[in-house]
PDB file of N, CA and C in Angstrom:
ATOM      1  N   MET A   1     185.749 -39.542 -16.582  1.00  0.00           N
ATOM      2  CA  MET A   1     186.203 -39.846 -17.851  1.00  0.00           C
ATOM      3  C   MET A   1     185.159 -39.617 -19.134  1.00  0.00           C
ATOM      4  N   VAL A   2     185.737 -39.265 -20.226  1.00  0.00           N
ATOM      5  CA  VAL A   2     185.200 -38.854 -21.420  1.00  0.00           C
ATOM      6  C   VAL A   2     184.811 -40.008 -22.213  1.00  0.00           C
ATOM      7  N   LYS A   3     183.677 -40.365 -22.250  1.00  0.00           N
ATOM      8  CA  LYS A   3     183.177 -41.908 -22.733  1.00  0.00           C
ATOM      9  C   LYS A   3     182.232 -41.899 -23.936  1.00  0.00           C
ATOM     10  N   LEU A   4     181.623 -40.625 -24.264  1.00  0.00           N
ATOM     11  CA  LEU A   4     180.842 -40.337 -25.292  1.00  0.00           C
ATOM     12  C   LEU A   4     181.056 -39.173 -26.111  1.00  0.00           C
ATOM     13  N   ALA A   5     180.761 -39.425 -27.668  1.00  0.00           N
ATOM     14  CA  ALA A   5     181.017 -38.334 -28.372  1.00  0.00           C
ATOM     15  C   ALA A   5     180.017 -38.259 -29.667  1.00  0.00           C
ATOM     16  N   LEU A   6     180.085 -37.120 -30.510  1.00  0.00           N
ATOM     17  CA  LEU A   6     179.412 -37.026 -31.688  1.00  0.00           C
ATOM     18  C   LEU A   6     180.340 -36.715 -32.615  1.00  0.00           C
ATOM     19  N   PHE A   7     180.264 -37.192 -33.951  1.00  0.00           N
ATOM     20  CA  PHE A   7     180.983 -36.855 -34.924  1.00  0.00           C
ATOM     21  C   PHE A   7     180.043 -36.488 -36.196  1.00  0.00           C
ATOM     22  N   VAL A   8     179.992 -35.297 -36.528  1.00  0.00           N
ATOM     23  CA  VAL A   8     178.885 -34.745 -37.414  1.00  0.00           C
ATOM     24  C   VAL A   8     179.769 -34.333 -39.016  1.00  0.00           C
ATOM     25  N   ARG A   9     179.341 -34.806 -39.854  1.00  0.00           N
ATOM     26  CA  ARG A   9     179.924 -34.625 -41.280  1.00  0.00           C
ATOM     27  C   ARG A   9     179.027 -33.554 -42.008  1.00  0.00           C
ATOM     28  N   LEU A  10     179.407 -32.636 -42.565  1.00  0.00           N
ATOM     29  CA  LEU A  10     178.795 -31.402 -43.037  1.00  0.00           C
ATOM     30  C   LEU A  10     179.383 -31.104 -44.718  1.00  0.00           C
ATOM     31  N   GLU A  11     178.594 -31.176 -45.490  1.00  0.00           N
ATOM     32  CA  GLU A  11     178.975 -30.953 -46.780  1.00  0.00           C
ATOM     33  C   GLU A  11     178.427 -29.792 -46.989  1.00  0.00           C
ATOM     34  N   ALA A  12     178.965 -28.562 -47.605  1.00  0.00           N
ATOM     35  CA  ALA A  12     178.721 -27.285 -47.832  1.00  0.00           C
ATOM     36  C   ALA A  12     178.186 -27.295 -49.391  1.00  0.00           C
ATOM     37  N   LYS A  13     177.183 -26.467 -49.531  1.00  0.00           N
ATOM     38  CA  LYS A  13     176.710 -26.007 -50.943  1.00  0.00           C
ATOM     39  C   LYS A  13     177.895 -25.458 -51.603  1.00  0.00           C
ATOM     40  N   PRO A  14     178.007 -25.530 -52.971  1.00  0.00           N
ATOM     41  CA  PRO A  14     178.691 -24.757 -53.861  1.00  0.00           C
ATOM     42  C   PRO A  14     178.732 -23.408 -53.854  1.00  0.00           C
ATOM     43  N   GLY A  15     179.921 -22.625 -53.139  1.00  0.00           N
ATOM     44  CA  GLY A  15     179.736 -21.221 -52.902  1.00  0.00           C
ATOM     45  C   GLY A  15     179.647 -20.741 -51.494  1.00  0.00           C
ATOM     46  N   MET A  16     179.147 -21.842 -50.595  1.00  0.00           N
ATOM     47  CA  MET A  16     178.863 -21.596 -49.524  1.00  0.00           C
ATOM     48  C   MET A  16     180.185 -22.086 -48.372  1.00  0.00           C
ATOM     49  N   GLU A  17     181.157 -22.475 -49.012  1.00  0.00           N
ATOM     50  CA  GLU A  17     182.281 -23.008 -48.259  1.00  0.00           C
ATOM     51  C   GLU A  17     182.493 -21.998 -46.920  1.00  0.00           C
ATOM     52  N   ALA A  18     182.821 -20.854 -47.311  1.00  0.00           N
ATOM     53  CA  ALA A  18     183.584 -19.830 -46.470  1.00  0.00           C
ATOM     54  C   ALA A  18     182.127 -19.651 -45.400  1.00  0.00           C
ATOM     55  N   ALA A  19     180.981 -19.618 -45.763  1.00  0.00           N
ATOM     56  CA  ALA A  19     180.137 -19.463 -44.606  1.00  0.00           C
ATOM     57  C   ALA A  19     179.864 -20.670 -43.752  1.00  0.00           C
ATOM     58  N   VAL A  20     180.262 -21.812 -44.231  1.00  0.00           N
ATOM     59  CA  VAL A  20     179.990 -23.009 -43.279  1.00  0.00           C
ATOM     60  C   VAL A  20     181.305 -22.630 -42.217  1.00  0.00           C
ATOM     61  N   ALA A  21     182.407 -22.284 -42.946  1.00  0.00           N
ATOM     62  CA  ALA A  21     184.013 -22.356 -42.118  1.00  0.00           C
ATOM     63  C   ALA A  21     183.370 -21.271 -41.111  1.00  0.00           C
ATOM     64  N   ASP A  22     182.769 -20.142 -41.421  1.00  0.00           N
ATOM     65  CA  ASP A  22     182.444 -18.973 -40.494  1.00  0.00           C
ATOM     66  C   ASP A  22     181.561 -19.648 -39.428  1.00  0.00           C
ATOM     67  N   PHE A  23     180.426 -20.277 -40.011  1.00  0.00           N
ATOM     68  CA  PHE A  23     179.428 -20.792 -38.797  1.00  0.00           C
ATOM     69  C   PHE A  23     180.300 -21.275 -37.721  1.00  0.00           C
ATOM     70  N   LEU A  24     180.812 -22.354 -38.233  1.00  0.00           N
ATOM     71  CA  LEU A  24     181.565 -23.392 -37.295  1.00  0.00           C
ATOM     72  C   LEU A  24     182.592 -22.436 -36.390  1.00  0.00           C
ATOM     73  N   ALA A  25     183.569 -21.556 -36.828  1.00  0.00           N
ATOM     74  CA  ALA A  25     184.255 -20.757 -35.955  1.00  0.00           C
ATOM     75  C   ALA A  25     183.541 -20.161 -34.893  1.00  0.00           C
ATOM     76  N   GLY A  26     182.555 -19.480 -35.546  1.00  0.00           N
ATOM     77  CA  GLY A  26     181.464 -18.520 -34.831  1.00  0.00           C
ATOM     78  C   GLY A  26     180.680 -19.322 -33.502  1.00  0.00           C
ATOM     79  N   ALA A  27     180.660 -20.695 -33.642  1.00  0.00           N
ATOM     80  CA  ALA A  27     180.040 -21.563 -32.556  1.00  0.00           C
ATOM     81  C   ALA A  27     180.976 -21.829 -31.446  1.00  0.00           C
ATOM     82  N   LEU A  28     182.215 -21.548 -31.457  1.00  0.00           N
ATOM     83  CA  LEU A  28     183.079 -21.803 -30.209  1.00  0.00           C
ATOM     84  C   LEU A  28     182.483 -21.259 -28.985  1.00  0.00           C
ATOM     85  N   PRO A  29     182.145 -19.843 -29.075  1.00  0.00           N
ATOM     86  CA  PRO A  29     181.741 -19.358 -27.666  1.00  0.00           C
ATOM     87  C   PRO A  29     180.658 -20.167 -27.030  1.00  0.00           C
ATOM     88  N   LEU A  30     179.697 -20.718 -27.838  1.00  0.00           N
ATOM     89  CA  LEU A  30     178.463 -21.582 -27.449  1.00  0.00           C
ATOM     90  C   LEU A  30     178.941 -22.748 -26.958  1.00  0.00           C
ATOM     91  N   ALA A  31     179.856 -23.414 -27.441  1.00  0.00           N
ATOM     92  CA  ALA A  31     180.434 -24.813 -27.143  1.00  0.00           C
ATOM     93  C   ALA A  31     181.192 -24.633 -25.947  1.00  0.00           C
ATOM     94  N   ASN A  32     181.913 -23.399 -25.777  1.00  0.00           N
ATOM     95  CA  ASN A  32     182.699 -23.153 -24.378  1.00  0.00           C
ATOM     96  C   ASN A  32     181.706 -22.880 -23.242  1.00  0.00           C
ATOM     97  N   ALA A  33     180.225 -22.488 -23.561  1.00  0.00           N
ATOM     98  CA  ALA A  33     179.246 -22.110 -22.535  1.00  0.00           C
ATOM     99  C   ALA A  33     178.601 -23.485 -22.196  1.00  0.00           C
ATOM    100  N   GLU A  34     178.832 -24.698 -22.766  1.00  0.00           N
ATOM    101  CA  GLU A  34     178.157 -25.832 -22.608  1.00  0.00           C
ATOM    102  C   GLU A  34     178.999 -26.655 -21.602  1.00  0.00           C
ATOM    103  N   SER A  35     178.515 -26.807 -20.334  1.00  0.00           N
ATOM    104  CA  SER A  35     179.041 -27.358 -19.162  1.00  0.00           C
ATOM    105  C   SER A  35     179.479 -28.871 -19.293  1.00  0.00           C
ATOM    106  N   GLY A  36     178.222 -29.475 -20.112  1.00  0.00           N
ATOM    107  CA  GLY A  36     178.407 -30.914 -20.304  1.00  0.00           C
ATOM    108  C   GLY A  36     179.197 -31.143 -21.594  1.00  0.00           C
ATOM    109  N   THR A  37     179.808 -30.290 -22.224  1.00  0.00           N
ATOM    110  CA  THR A  37     180.744 -30.545 -23.466  1.00  0.00           C
ATOM    111  C   THR A  37     182.124 -30.408 -23.169  1.00  0.00           C
ATOM    112  N   THR A  38     182.687 -31.618 -22.979  1.00  0.00           N
ATOM    113  CA  THR A  38     184.355 -31.855 -22.552  1.00  0.00           C
ATOM    114  C   THR A  38     185.137 -31.264 -23.712  1.00  0.00           C
ATOM    115  N   ALA A  39     184.907 -31.629 -24.770  1.00  0.00           N
ATOM    116  CA  ALA A  39     185.917 -31.197 -26.084  1.00  0.00           C
ATOM    117  C   ALA A  39     185.035 -30.753 -27.092  1.00  0.00           C
ATOM    118  N   TRP A  40     185.318 -30.012 -27.726  1.00  0.00           N
ATOM    119  CA  TRP A  40     184.858 -29.652 -29.003  1.00  0.00           C
ATOM    120  C   TRP A  40     185.601 -29.107 -30.179  1.00  0.00           C
ATOM    121  N   PHE A  41     185.402 -29.656 -31.312  1.00  0.00           N
ATOM    122  CA  PHE A  41     186.348 -29.310 -32.357  1.00  0.00           C
ATOM    123  C   PHE A  41     185.616 -29.161 -33.796  1.00  0.00           C
ATOM    124  N   ALA A  42     185.921 -28.165 -34.526  1.00  0.00           N
ATOM    125  CA  ALA A  42     185.267 -27.748 -35.804  1.00  0.00           C
ATOM    126  C   ALA A  42     186.438 -28.295 -36.727  1.00  0.00           C
ATOM    127  N   LEU A  43     186.017 -28.931 -37.770  1.00  0.00           N
ATOM    128  CA  LEU A  43     186.949 -29.642 -38.772  1.00  0.00           C
ATOM    129  C   LEU A  43     186.673 -29.125 -40.111  1.00  0.00           C
ATOM    130  N   LYS A  44     187.955 -29.080 -40.891  1.00  0.00           N
ATOM    131  CA  LYS A  44     187.831 -29.211 -42.397  1.00  0.00           C
ATOM    132  C   LYS A  44     188.476 -30.162 -42.957  1.00  0.00           C
ATOM    133  N   PHE A  45     187.883 -30.986 -43.693  1.00  0.00           N
ATOM    134  CA  PHE A  45     188.494 -32.110 -44.441  1.00  0.00           C
ATOM    135  C   PHE A  45     188.953 -31.864 -45.559  1.00  0.00           C
ATOM    136  N   GLY A  46     188.324 -30.964 -46.722  1.00  0.00           N
ATOM    137  CA  GLY A  46     188.509 -30.652 -47.822  1.00  0.00           C
ATOM    138  C   GLY A  46     187.782 -29.326 -48.120  1.00  0.00           C
ATOM    139  N   PRO A  47     187.950 -29.047 -49.561  1.00  0.00           N
ATOM    140  CA  PRO A  47     187.346 -27.857 -49.899  1.00  0.00           C
ATOM    141  C   PRO A  47     185.813 -27.468 -49.393  1.00  0.00           C
ATOM    142  N   SER A  48     185.185 -28.422 -49.383  1.00  0.00           N
ATOM    143  CA  SER A  48     183.597 -28.305 -49.341  1.00  0.00           C
ATOM    144  C   SER A  48     183.178 -28.968 -48.053  1.00  0.00           C
ATOM    145  N   THR A  49     184.163 -30.048 -47.560  1.00  0.00           N
ATOM    146  CA  THR A  49     183.542 -31.119 -46.249  1.00  0.00           C
ATOM    147  C   THR A  49     184.151 -30.651 -45.218  1.00  0.00           C
ATOM    148  N   PHE A  50     183.390 -30.417 -44.157  1.00  0.00           N
ATOM    149  CA  PHE A  50     183.578 -29.933 -42.801  1.00  0.00           C
ATOM    150  C   PHE A  50     182.928 -31.035 -41.770  1.00  0.00           C
ATOM    151  N   GLY A  51     183.498 -30.737 -40.549  1.00  0.00           N
ATOM    152  CA  GLY A  51     182.730 -31.717 -39.422  1.00  0.00           C
ATOM    153  C   GLY A  51     182.794 -31.047 -38.122  1.00  0.00           C
ATOM    154  N   VAL A  52     182.291 -31.807 -37.177  1.00  0.00           N
ATOM    155  CA  VAL A  52     182.472 -31.314 -35.669  1.00  0.00           C
ATOM    156  C   VAL A  52     182.529 -32.528 -34.869  1.00  0.00           C
ATOM    157  N   PHE A  53     183.721 -32.551 -34.083  1.00  0.00           N
ATOM    158  CA  PHE A  53     183.743 -33.760 -33.159  1.00  0.00           C
ATOM    159  C   PHE A  53     183.631 -32.993 -31.550  1.00  0.00           C
ATOM    160  N   ASP A  54     182.629 -33.715 -30.869  1.00  0.00           N
ATOM    161  CA  ASP A  54     182.693 -33.331 -29.644  1.00  0.00           C
ATOM    162  C   ASP A  54     182.609 -34.373 -28.532  1.00  0.00           C
ATOM    163  N   ALA A  55     183.130 -34.279 -27.509  1.00  0.00           N
ATOM    164  CA  ALA A  55     183.014 -35.287 -26.432  1.00  0.00           C
ATOM    165  C   ALA A  55     182.366 -35.064 -25.182  1.00  0.00           C
ATOM    166  N   PHE A  56     181.884 -35.988 -24.461  1.00  0.00           N
ATOM    167  CA  PHE A  56     180.994 -35.867 -23.267  1.00  0.00           C
ATOM    168  C   PHE A  56     181.454 -36.856 -22.253  1.00  0.00           C
ATOM    169  N   GLN A  57     181.024 -36.628 -21.021  1.00  0.00           N
ATOM    170  CA  GLN A  57     181.201 -37.781 -19.861  1.00  0.00           C
ATOM    171  C   GLN A  57     180.074 -38.410 -19.685  1.00  0.00           C
ATOM    172  N   ASP A  58     178.651 -38.112 -20.291  1.00  0.00           N
ATOM    173  CA  ASP A  58     177.672 -38.694 -20.077  1.00  0.00           C
ATOM    174  C   ASP A  58     176.530 -38.392 -21.161  1.00  0.00           C
ATOM    175  N   GLU A  59     175.721 -39.092 -21.203  1.00  0.00           N
ATOM    176  CA  GLU A  59     174.317 -38.868 -22.150  1.00  0.00           C
ATOM    177  C   GLU A  59     173.939 -37.810 -21.749  1.00  0.00           C
ATOM    178  N   ALA A  60     173.757 -37.325 -20.666  1.00  0.00           N
ATOM    179  CA  ALA A  60     173.131 -35.983 -20.238  1.00  0.00           C
ATOM    180  C   ALA A  60     173.799 -34.594 -20.989  1.00  0.00           C
ATOM    181  N   GLY A  61     175.187 -34.745 -21.022  1.00  0.00           N
ATOM    182  CA  GLY A  61     175.977 -33.730 -21.714  1.00  0.00           C
ATOM    183  C   GLY A  61     175.650 -33.989 -23.270  1.00  0.00           C
ATOM    184  N   ARG A  62     175.732 -35.166 -23.969  1.00  0.00           N
ATOM    185  CA  ARG A  62     175.544 -35.325 -25.143  1.00  0.00           C
ATOM    186  C   ARG A  62     174.090 -34.794 -25.733  1.00  0.00           C
ATOM    187  N   SER A  63     173.223 -35.410 -24.910  1.00  0.00           N
ATOM    188  CA  SER A  63     171.611 -34.786 -25.294  1.00  0.00           C
ATOM    189  C   SER A  63     171.502 -33.355 -25.271  1.00  0.00           C
ATOM    190  N   ALA A  64     172.382 -32.858 -23.919  1.00  0.00           N
ATOM    191  CA  ALA A  64     172.020 -31.226 -23.866  1.00  0.00           C
ATOM    192  C   ALA A  64     172.662 -30.629 -25.168  1.00  0.00           C
ATOM    193  N   HIS A  65     173.602 -31.025 -25.753  1.00  0.00           N
ATOM    194  CA  HIS A  65     174.474 -30.381 -26.756  1.00  0.00           C
ATOM    195  C   HIS A  65     173.597 -30.545 -27.994  1.00  0.00           C
ATOM    196  N   LEU A  66     172.997 -32.005 -28.351  1.00  0.00           N
ATOM    197  CA  LEU A  66     172.251 -32.158 -29.407  1.00  0.00           C
ATOM    198  C   LEU A  66     170.974 -31.302 -29.311  1.00  0.00           C
ATOM    199  N   ASN A  67     170.388 -30.814 -28.281  1.00  0.00           N
ATOM    200  CA  ASN A  67     169.198 -30.099 -28.204  1.00  0.00           C
ATOM    201  C   ASN A  67     169.627 -28.613 -27.877  1.00  0.00           C
ATOM    202  N   GLY A  68     170.928 -28.147 -27.856  1.00  0.00           N
ATOM    203  CA  GLY A  68     171.297 -26.940 -27.565  1.00  0.00           C
ATOM    204  C   GLY A  68     171.408 -25.789 -28.868  1.00  0.00           C
ATOM    205  N   PRO A  69     171.925 -24.741 -28.560  1.00  0.00           N
ATOM    206  CA  PRO A  69     171.858 -23.636 -29.453  1.00  0.00           C
ATOM    207  C   PRO A  69     172.754 -23.826 -30.842  1.00  0.00           C
ATOM    208  N   ILE A  70     173.954 -24.747 -30.574  1.00  0.00           N
ATOM    209  CA  ILE A  70     174.596 -24.847 -31.816  1.00  0.00           C
ATOM    210  C   ILE A  70     173.898 -25.531 -32.731  1.00  0.00           C
ATOM    211  N   ALA A  71     173.351 -26.847 -32.536  1.00  0.00           N
ATOM    212  CA  ALA A  71     172.486 -27.855 -33.181  1.00  0.00           C
ATOM    213  C   ALA A  71     171.383 -26.960 -33.720  1.00  0.00           C
ATOM    214  N   ALA A  72     170.701 -26.046 -32.919  1.00  0.00           N
ATOM    215  CA  ALA A  72     169.538 -25.391 -33.208  1.00  0.00           C
ATOM    216  C   ALA A  72     169.918 -24.324 -34.562  1.00  0.00           C
ATOM    217  N   ALA A  73     170.892 -23.822 -34.414  1.00  0.00           N
ATOM    218  CA  ALA A  73     171.362 -23.018 -35.461  1.00  0.00           C
ATOM    219  C   ALA A  73     171.721 -23.690 -36.577  1.00  0.00           C
ATOM    220  N   LEU A  74     172.476 -24.746 -36.446  1.00  0.00           N
ATOM    221  CA  LEU A  74     172.959 -25.389 -37.557  1.00  0.00           C
ATOM    222  C   LEU A  74     171.526 -25.971 -38.268  1.00  0.00           C
ATOM    223  N   MET A  75     170.440 -26.625 -37.833  1.00  0.00           N
ATOM    224  CA  MET A  75     169.485 -26.951 -38.461  1.00  0.00           C
ATOM    225  C   MET A  75     168.764 -25.935 -39.006  1.00  0.00           C
ATOM    226  N   ALA A  76     168.571 -24.658 -38.562  1.00  0.00           N
ATOM    227  CA  ALA A  76     167.862 -23.423 -38.884  1.00  0.00           C
ATOM    228  C   ALA A  76     168.763 -22.962 -40.329  1.00  0.00           C
ATOM    229  N   ASN A  77     169.755 -23.288 -40.212  1.00  0.00           N
ATOM    230  CA  ASN A  77     170.641 -22.927 -41.429  1.00  0.00           C
ATOM    231  C   ASN A  77     170.870 -23.856 -42.590  1.00  0.00           C
ATOM    232  N   ALA A  78     170.615 -24.856 -42.240  1.00  0.00           N
ATOM    233  CA  ALA A  78     170.934 -26.280 -42.993  1.00  0.00           C
ATOM    234  C   ALA A  78     170.879 -26.209 -44.460  1.00  0.00           C
ATOM    235  N   ASP A  79     169.551 -25.619 -44.681  1.00  0.00           N
ATOM    236  CA  ASP A  79     169.136 -25.416 -46.132  1.00  0.00           C
ATOM    237  C   ASP A  79     169.819 -24.426 -46.864  1.00  0.00           C
ATOM    238  N   LYS A  80     170.086 -23.417 -46.097  1.00  0.00           N
ATOM    239  CA  LYS A  80     170.951 -22.384 -46.975  1.00  0.00           C
ATOM    240  C   LYS A  80     172.325 -22.794 -47.114  1.00  0.00           C
ATOM    241  N   LEU A  81     172.934 -23.523 -46.190  1.00  0.00           N
ATOM    242  CA  LEU A  81     174.601 -23.798 -46.052  1.00  0.00           C
ATOM    243  C   LEU A  81     174.896 -25.064 -46.780  1.00  0.00           C
ATOM    244  N   LEU A  82     174.249 -26.133 -46.576  1.00  0.00           N
ATOM    245  CA  LEU A  82     174.594 -27.428 -46.700  1.00  0.00           C
ATOM    246  C   LEU A  82     173.964 -28.183 -48.010  1.00  0.00           C
ATOM    247  N   SER A  83     174.626 -28.923 -48.603  1.00  0.00           N
ATOM    248  CA  SER A  83     174.090 -29.644 -49.949  1.00  0.00           C
ATOM    249  C   SER A  83     173.336 -31.028 -49.564  1.00  0.00           C
ATOM    250  N   GLU A  84     173.473 -31.497 -48.257  1.00  0.00           N
ATOM    251  CA  GLU A  84     172.624 -32.512 -47.722  1.00  0.00           C
ATOM    252  C   GLU A  84     172.497 -32.351 -46.260  1.00  0.00           C
ATOM    253  N   ALA A  85     171.597 -33.046 -45.629  1.00  0.00           N
ATOM    254  CA  ALA A  85     171.601 -33.049 -44.096  1.00  0.00           C
ATOM    255  C   ALA A  85     172.769 -33.356 -43.434  1.00  0.00           C
ATOM    256  N   PRO A  86     172.898 -32.773 -42.329  1.00  0.00           N
ATOM    257  CA  PRO A  86     174.158 -33.246 -41.384  1.00  0.00           C
ATOM    258  C   PRO A  86     174.164 -34.788 -41.234  1.00  0.00           C
ATOM    259  N   LYS A  87     175.340 -35.492 -41.233  1.00  0.00           N
ATOM    260  CA  LYS A  87     175.412 -36.684 -41.025  1.00  0.00           C
ATOM    261  C   LYS A  87     175.750 -36.850 -39.499  1.00  0.00           C
ATOM    262  N   ILE A  88     174.961 -37.123 -38.548  1.00  0.00           N
ATOM    263  CA  ILE A  88     175.449 -37.160 -37.137  1.00  0.00           C
ATOM    264  C   ILE A  88     175.624 -38.784 -36.661  1.00  0.00           C
ATOM    265  N   GLU A  89     176.670 -38.784 -36.193  1.00  0.00           N
ATOM    266  CA  GLU A  89     176.931 -40.288 -35.645  1.00  0.00           C
ATOM    267  C   GLU A  89     177.366 -40.203 -34.172  1.00  0.00           C
ATOM    268  N   ARG A  90     176.574 -40.936 -33.474  1.00  0.00           N
ATOM    269  CA  ARG A  90     176.855 -41.221 -31.935  1.00  0.00           C
ATOM    270  C   ARG A  90     177.936 -42.110 -31.694  1.00  0.00           C
ATOM    271  N   VAL A  91     178.952 -41.858 -30.856  1.00  0.00           N
ATOM    272  CA  VAL A  91     180.215 -42.633 -30.938  1.00  0.00           C
ATOM    273  C   VAL A  91     180.458 -42.802 -29.428  1.00  0.00           C
ATOM    274  N   ASP A  92     180.984 -44.172 -29.125  1.00  0.00           N
ATOM    275  CA  ASP A  92     181.440 -44.652 -27.904  1.00  0.00           C
ATOM    276  C   ASP A  92     182.821 -44.610 -27.678  1.00  0.00           C
ATOM    277  N   LEU A  93     183.422 -43.712 -26.950  1.00  0.00           N
ATOM    278  CA  LEU A  93     184.982 -43.399 -26.999  1.00  0.00           C
ATOM    279  C   LEU A  93     185.650 -44.641 -26.273  1.00  0.00           C
ATOM    280  N   LEU A  94     186.633 -45.267 -26.743  1.00  0.00           N
ATOM    281  CA  LEU A  94     187.403 -46.314 -26.052  1.00  0.00           C
ATOM    282  C   LEU A  94     188.269 -45.698 -25.137  1.00  0.00           C
ATOM    283  N   ALA A  95     189.197 -44.599 -25.562  1.00  0.00           N
ATOM    284  CA  ALA A  95     190.013 -44.024 -24.519  1.00  0.00           C
ATOM    285  C   ALA A  95     190.386 -42.761 -25.161  1.00  0.00           C
ATOM    286  N   ALA A  96     190.869 -41.759 -24.379  1.00  0.00           N
ATOM    287  CA  ALA A  96     191.141 -40.326 -24.733  1.00  0.00           C
ATOM    288  C   ALA A  96     192.094 -39.747 -23.829  1.00  0.00           C
ATOM    289  N   LYS A  97     192.900 -38.903 -24.573  1.00  0.00           N
ATOM    290  CA  LYS A  97     193.883 -38.019 -23.876  1.00  0.00           C
ATOM    291  C   LYS A  97     193.407 -36.682 -24.101  1.00  0.00           C
ATOM    292  N   LEU A  98     193.192 -35.801 -23.002  1.00  0.00           N
ATOM    293  CA  LEU A  98     192.723 -34.473 -22.943  1.00  0.00           C
ATOM    294  C   LEU A  98     193.604 -33.466 -22.068  1.00  0.00           C
ATOM    295  N   PRO A  99     193.904 -32.433 -22.338  1.00  0.00           N
ATOM    296  CA  PRO A  99     194.495 -31.515 -21.404  1.00  0.00           C
ATOM    297  C   PRO A  99     194.051 -31.377 -19.863  1.00  0.00           C
TER     298      PRO A  99
END
């Protein structure tokens, strides 16, 4: 059962909105390659506000994701793309419906 998640809120710098959207869309193959990532969603809340929601069966999967290539690429590009540091929240899931 999926019981852990991450919710990350990202605020793009002015003029970098398309670059953040492209970065997130381009991360999908990396997320697909992570065996411990059960679900991964790139989100857009508004013109400059984005997010990522991903779910895991255990802490090992969540930790692997936090130390994986998507997180590394995000942090390497954060100063260029984001107006503030990513807000990363560790979430406990109460219930989930997945395909």
